[in-house]
Amino acid sequence: MIAKLKALPEKVAFGIGLTLILGIGLLLFLYSLFFPIDIWTTLFIEGIVFGIAMLFVLSAADKRHSRIGKKK
């Protein structure tokens, strides 16, 4: 899984991470309008998705940092 994550281009990884961070709140809000969800379930789901999104963002930042470091 980590190898596939590192194989993604920098902009794609950042875009996926940012989309997950911004989209999960909206999706859970819309889902809670139709079905009753406990607050702890919502926090648990958000925590898992934020963790995965941070992996994508950190991977993109690492690629950018290593690319910029090679130019100097």
Protein backbone atom coordinates (compact mmCIF):
# COMPACT_ATOMS: atom_id res chain seq x y z
CA MET A 1 0.00 0.00 0.00
CA ILE A 2 2.79 2.42 0.88
CA ALA A 3 4.58 1.65 -2.40
CA LYS A 4 1.42 2.46 -4.37
CA LEU A 5 1.01 5.67 -2.39
CA LYS A 6 4.57 6.72 -3.16
CA ALA A 7 4.07 5.89 -6.86
CA LEU A 8 1.38 8.56 -7.23
CA PRO A 9 2.46 11.90 -8.70
CA GLU A 10 2.85 14.78 -6.28
CA LYS A 11 -0.18 16.79 -7.43
CA VAL A 12 -2.48 13.75 -7.55
CA ALA A 13 -1.57 12.68 -4.02
CA PHE A 14 -2.11 16.21 -2.69
CA GLY A 15 -5.43 16.50 -4.54
CA ILE A 16 -6.71 13.21 -3.13
CA GLY A 17 -5.69 14.17 0.39
CA LEU A 18 -7.25 17.62 0.18
CA THR A 19 -10.45 16.22 -1.32
CA LEU A 20 -10.74 13.68 1.48
CA ILE A 21 -10.22 16.33 4.15
CA LEU A 22 -12.73 18.75 2.66
CA GLY A 23 -15.27 16.20 1.49
CA ILE A 24 -15.70 13.92 4.49
CA GLY A 25 -17.35 16.60 6.63
CA LEU A 26 -19.88 17.38 3.93
CA LEU A 27 -20.58 13.73 3.18
CA LEU A 28 -21.12 12.84 6.83
CA PHE A 29 -23.37 15.87 7.28
CA LEU A 30 -25.53 14.89 4.31
CA TYR A 31 -25.59 11.27 5.45
CA SER A 32 -26.69 12.33 8.94
CA LEU A 33 -29.67 14.16 7.47
CA PHE A 34 -31.09 10.89 6.14
CA PHE A 35 -29.93 8.45 8.83
CA PRO A 36 -29.35 9.06 12.53
CA ILE A 37 -25.64 8.75 13.33
CA ASP A 38 -24.15 8.85 16.79
CA ILE A 39 -21.52 11.56 17.35
CA TRP A 40 -18.91 8.97 18.33
CA THR A 41 -19.41 7.09 15.08
CA THR A 42 -18.98 10.31 13.15
CA LEU A 43 -15.78 11.19 15.02
CA PHE A 44 -14.41 7.69 14.50
CA ILE A 45 -15.05 7.80 10.74
CA GLU A 46 -13.60 11.32 10.45
CA GLY A 47 -10.49 10.26 12.38
CA ILE A 48 -9.83 7.33 10.08
CA VAL A 49 -10.38 9.37 6.91
CA PHE A 50 -8.26 12.28 8.20
CA GLY A 51 -5.46 9.82 8.97
CA ILE A 52 -5.55 8.40 5.46
CA ALA A 53 -5.76 11.90 3.96
CA MET A 54 -2.73 13.00 5.95
CA LEU A 55 -0.76 10.10 4.48
CA PHE A 56 -1.52 11.40 0.99
CA VAL A 57 -0.65 15.00 1.89
CA LEU A 58 2.57 14.02 3.67
CA SER A 59 3.59 11.85 0.72
CA ALA A 60 3.10 14.80 -1.63
CA ALA A 61 5.05 17.10 0.68
CA ASP A 62 7.90 14.59 0.91
CA LYS A 63 8.09 14.31 -2.89
CA ARG A 64 8.10 18.07 -3.27
CA HIS A 65 10.74 18.51 -0.58
CA SER A 66 13.01 15.90 -2.12
CA ARG A 67 12.50 17.34 -5.63
CA ILE A 68 13.35 20.87 -4.54
CA GLY A 69 16.33 19.63 -2.51
CA LYS A 70 17.84 17.97 -5.59
CA LYS A 71 17.90 21.23 -7.58
CA LYS A 72 20.22 22.98 -5.12
